[in-house]
N, C-alpha and C. Protein backbone atom coordinates (compact mmCIF):
# COMPACT_ATOMS: atom_id res chain seq x y z
N MET A 1 -17.15 5.46 18.97
CA MET A 1 -18.56 5.78 18.57
C MET A 1 -19.01 4.91 17.74
N PRO A 2 -20.23 4.28 17.67
CA PRO A 2 -20.58 3.25 16.83
C PRO A 2 -20.99 3.98 15.41
N VAL A 3 -20.87 3.15 14.44
CA VAL A 3 -20.83 3.67 13.14
C VAL A 3 -22.10 4.32 12.80
N ARG A 4 -23.13 3.66 13.29
CA ARG A 4 -24.43 4.48 13.18
C ARG A 4 -24.55 5.93 13.66
N SER A 5 -23.77 6.08 14.61
CA SER A 5 -23.94 7.62 15.07
C SER A 5 -23.00 8.48 14.41
N LEU A 6 -22.05 8.13 13.52
CA LEU A 6 -21.12 8.86 12.87
C LEU A 6 -21.92 9.66 11.75
N PRO A 7 -21.51 11.09 11.43
CA PRO A 7 -22.11 11.75 10.53
C PRO A 7 -21.77 11.10 8.95
N ALA A 8 -22.64 11.21 8.20
CA ALA A 8 -22.59 10.79 6.93
C ALA A 8 -21.35 11.28 6.14
N ALA A 9 -21.23 12.63 6.45
CA ALA A 9 -19.88 13.11 5.73
C ALA A 9 -18.47 12.44 5.90
N ARG A 10 -18.62 11.90 7.22
CA ARG A 10 -17.09 11.19 7.39
C ARG A 10 -16.90 9.70 6.61
N TRP A 11 -18.03 9.26 5.88
CA TRP A 11 -17.97 8.20 5.32
C TRP A 11 -18.20 8.21 3.73
N ARG A 12 -17.79 9.35 3.17
CA ARG A 12 -17.97 9.80 1.71
C ARG A 12 -17.01 9.02 0.97
N GLY A 13 -15.73 8.57 1.60
CA GLY A 13 -14.92 7.90 0.70
C GLY A 13 -14.91 6.43 0.84
N ALA A 14 -14.36 5.65 -0.01
CA ALA A 14 -14.30 4.36 -0.07
C ALA A 14 -13.17 3.79 0.64
N SER A 15 -13.05 2.71 0.92
CA SER A 15 -11.83 2.21 1.71
C SER A 15 -10.56 2.32 1.07
N HIS A 16 -10.77 2.63 -0.54
CA HIS A 16 -9.45 2.66 -1.36
C HIS A 16 -8.92 4.11 -1.15
N ALA A 17 -9.72 5.03 -0.27
CA ALA A 17 -9.15 6.32 -0.04
C ALA A 17 -8.41 6.45 1.32
N LEU A 18 -8.14 5.28 1.92
CA LEU A 18 -7.46 5.23 3.28
C LEU A 18 -6.08 5.44 3.05
N GLY A 19 -5.48 6.14 3.82
CA GLY A 19 -3.93 6.17 3.98
C GLY A 19 -3.37 5.12 4.75
N LEU A 20 -1.92 4.85 4.63
CA LEU A 20 -1.44 3.77 5.27
C LEU A 20 -1.51 3.57 6.53
N ALA A 21 -1.48 4.59 7.20
CA ALA A 21 -1.83 4.58 8.84
C ALA A 21 -3.18 4.00 9.04
N ASP A 22 -4.26 4.46 8.28
CA ASP A 22 -5.65 4.22 8.35
C ASP A 22 -5.77 2.62 8.01
N ALA A 23 -5.10 2.17 6.99
CA ALA A 23 -5.31 0.77 6.42
C ALA A 23 -4.73 -0.07 7.66
N VAL A 24 -3.48 0.22 8.10
CA VAL A 24 -3.01 -0.66 9.35
C VAL A 24 -3.91 -0.59 10.50
N ALA A 25 -4.38 0.43 10.90
CA ALA A 25 -5.28 0.69 12.00
C ALA A 25 -6.59 -0.29 11.68
N LEU A 26 -6.90 -0.32 10.57
CA LEU A 26 -8.16 -1.05 10.13
C LEU A 26 -7.78 -2.77 10.28
N GLY A 27 -6.64 -2.96 9.62
CA GLY A 27 -6.24 -4.51 9.70
C GLY A 27 -6.09 -4.94 11.20
N ARG A 28 -5.51 -4.15 12.14
CA ARG A 28 -5.49 -4.42 13.61
C ARG A 28 -6.68 -4.34 14.15
N ALA A 29 -7.65 -3.42 13.90
CA ALA A 29 -8.99 -3.59 14.37
C ALA A 29 -9.61 -4.63 14.03
N LEU A 30 -9.65 -5.05 12.89
CA LEU A 30 -10.10 -6.30 12.35
C LEU A 30 -9.52 -7.57 12.65
N GLY A 31 -8.37 -7.46 13.37
CA GLY A 31 -7.58 -8.85 13.84
C GLY A 31 -7.10 -9.42 12.62
N ARG A 32 -6.67 -8.52 11.54
CA ARG A 32 -6.15 -9.20 10.55
C ARG A 32 -4.70 -8.75 10.02
N LEU A 33 -4.25 -7.92 10.85
CA LEU A 33 -2.89 -7.33 10.72
C LEU A 33 -1.70 -8.37 10.86
N PRO A 34 -1.10 -8.67 9.97
CA PRO A 34 -0.09 -9.84 10.10
C PRO A 34 1.03 -9.56 11.11
N GLY A 35 1.73 -10.57 11.47
CA GLY A 35 2.68 -10.52 12.38
C GLY A 35 4.03 -9.35 11.85
N GLU A 36 4.21 -9.62 10.62
CA GLU A 36 5.33 -8.69 10.06
C GLU A 36 4.68 -8.21 8.63
N LEU A 37 4.86 -6.79 8.47
CA LEU A 37 4.30 -5.96 7.33
C LEU A 37 5.48 -5.29 6.71
N LEU A 38 5.54 -5.59 5.44
CA LEU A 38 6.70 -4.91 4.59
C LEU A 38 5.80 -3.97 3.68
N VAL A 39 6.08 -2.55 3.70
CA VAL A 39 5.46 -1.71 3.00
C VAL A 39 6.38 -1.42 1.83
N VAL A 40 5.93 -1.43 0.58
CA VAL A 40 6.82 -1.14 -0.55
C VAL A 40 6.05 -0.14 -1.39
N GLY A 41 6.89 1.07 -1.71
CA GLY A 41 6.13 1.93 -2.64
C GLY A 41 7.05 2.49 -3.40
N VAL A 42 6.40 3.20 -4.67
CA VAL A 42 7.29 3.86 -5.73
C VAL A 42 6.38 5.25 -5.66
N GLU A 43 7.19 6.26 -5.76
CA GLU A 43 6.87 7.68 -5.85
C GLU A 43 6.26 7.96 -7.29
N GLY A 44 5.05 8.31 -7.50
CA GLY A 44 4.70 8.87 -8.82
C GLY A 44 5.41 9.97 -9.12
N ALA A 45 5.13 10.43 -10.53
CA ALA A 45 5.80 11.74 -10.83
C ALA A 45 4.72 12.50 -11.66
N ASP A 46 3.91 12.00 -12.42
CA ASP A 46 2.97 12.91 -13.07
C ASP A 46 1.39 12.15 -12.93
N PHE A 47 0.71 12.95 -12.23
CA PHE A 47 -0.78 12.53 -11.77
C PHE A 47 -1.65 13.09 -12.65
N THR A 48 -1.42 13.44 -13.83
CA THR A 48 -2.38 14.09 -14.62
C THR A 48 -3.24 12.90 -15.21
N PRO A 49 -4.50 12.83 -15.09
CA PRO A 49 -5.36 12.03 -15.56
C PRO A 49 -5.10 11.37 -16.91
N GLY A 50 -4.83 9.99 -16.99
CA GLY A 50 -4.69 9.35 -18.42
C GLY A 50 -3.02 9.54 -18.94
N ALA A 51 -2.36 10.10 -17.97
CA ALA A 51 -0.72 10.22 -18.08
C ALA A 51 -0.26 8.78 -17.91
N PRO A 52 0.77 8.35 -18.96
CA PRO A 52 1.42 7.18 -18.74
C PRO A 52 2.59 7.36 -17.67
N MET A 53 3.02 6.43 -16.98
CA MET A 53 4.15 6.53 -16.08
C MET A 53 5.22 7.03 -16.88
N THR A 54 6.05 7.82 -16.01
CA THR A 54 7.28 8.25 -16.59
C THR A 54 8.39 7.29 -16.63
N PRO A 55 9.21 7.43 -17.58
CA PRO A 55 10.33 6.31 -17.79
C PRO A 55 11.13 6.09 -16.39
N PRO A 56 11.41 7.17 -15.48
CA PRO A 56 11.99 6.82 -14.26
C PRO A 56 11.13 5.96 -13.20
N VAL A 57 9.77 6.25 -13.31
CA VAL A 57 8.78 5.61 -12.53
C VAL A 57 8.74 4.23 -12.99
N LEU A 58 8.49 3.86 -14.27
CA LEU A 58 8.41 2.65 -14.75
C LEU A 58 9.55 1.74 -14.48
N ALA A 59 10.77 2.37 -14.40
CA ALA A 59 12.03 1.76 -14.07
C ALA A 59 12.20 1.32 -12.69
N ALA A 60 11.51 2.25 -11.69
CA ALA A 60 11.59 2.03 -10.44
C ALA A 60 10.52 0.87 -10.13
N VAL A 61 9.42 0.97 -10.65
CA VAL A 61 8.31 -0.28 -10.58
C VAL A 61 9.09 -1.62 -11.18
N ARG A 62 9.66 -1.72 -12.11
CA ARG A 62 10.27 -2.81 -12.54
C ARG A 62 11.48 -3.43 -11.62
N ARG A 63 12.29 -2.37 -11.18
CA ARG A 63 13.18 -2.81 -10.14
C ARG A 63 12.65 -3.32 -8.94
N THR A 64 11.51 -2.66 -8.39
CA THR A 64 10.93 -3.03 -7.25
C THR A 64 10.24 -4.25 -7.42
N ALA A 65 9.56 -4.58 -8.45
CA ALA A 65 8.99 -5.82 -8.75
C ALA A 65 10.03 -7.10 -8.56
N GLY A 66 11.03 -6.71 -9.31
CA GLY A 66 12.22 -7.70 -9.30
C GLY A 66 12.70 -8.08 -7.80
N GLU A 67 12.93 -6.90 -7.10
CA GLU A 67 13.46 -7.16 -5.63
C GLU A 67 12.27 -7.99 -4.86
N LEU A 68 11.12 -7.69 -5.33
CA LEU A 68 10.00 -8.52 -4.48
C LEU A 68 9.80 -9.88 -4.65
N ARG A 69 10.19 -10.15 -6.15
CA ARG A 69 10.21 -11.74 -6.64
C ARG A 69 11.46 -12.38 -6.12
N GLU A 70 12.37 -11.50 -5.78
CA GLU A 70 13.70 -12.25 -5.15
C GLU A 70 13.25 -12.52 -3.63
N ARG A 71 12.53 -11.71 -3.03
CA ARG A 71 12.12 -11.88 -1.55
C ARG A 71 11.25 -13.20 -1.59
N LEU A 72 10.33 -13.11 -2.34
CA LEU A 72 9.40 -14.22 -2.32
C LEU A 72 10.01 -15.55 -2.67
N SER A 73 10.81 -15.52 -3.46
CA SER A 73 11.41 -16.67 -3.93
C SER A 73 12.45 -17.42 -2.66
N ARG A 74 12.83 -16.56 -1.73
CA ARG A 74 13.48 -16.91 -0.64
C ARG A 74 12.51 -17.30 0.51
N GLY A 75 11.21 -17.25 0.22
CA GLY A 75 10.19 -17.57 1.15
C GLY A 75 9.99 -16.84 2.41
N ARG A 76 10.65 -15.49 2.31
CA ARG A 76 10.31 -14.75 3.23
C ARG A 76 10.14 -13.24 2.75
N LEU A 77 9.05 -12.65 2.65
CA LEU A 77 8.99 -11.45 2.03
C LEU A 77 9.81 -10.24 2.75
N GLY A 78 9.90 -10.16 4.24
CA GLY A 78 10.63 -9.08 4.68
C GLY A 78 11.95 -9.29 5.06
N ALA A 79 12.57 -10.37 4.43
CA ALA A 79 14.14 -10.65 4.52
C ALA A 79 14.68 -9.60 3.95
N PRO A 80 15.87 -9.32 4.52
CA PRO A 80 16.57 -8.03 4.06
C PRO A 80 17.49 -8.72 2.89
N ARG A 81 17.84 -7.78 1.88
CA ARG A 81 18.55 -8.11 0.81
C ARG A 81 20.21 -8.20 1.09
N THR A 82 20.77 -9.39 0.85
CA THR A 82 22.18 -9.64 1.16
C THR A 82 23.14 -9.65 -0.01
């Protein structure tokens, strides 16, 4: 269906509101999906506006960032940890 013919209500959100599956589908449709895709996430705990990260979430972010730095330093982001 051409974009012009879609109801305006379907386009209220920005691309930042896409879920993971939608983002991957968009990348594929645009021909921009890489050959390898590593998805990394940290589950939040408190979504109250203005709330700081909880200590366990902050620890998980730091641990995940460290693991990503290790993978990047090896030159291959998706390489499994050994």
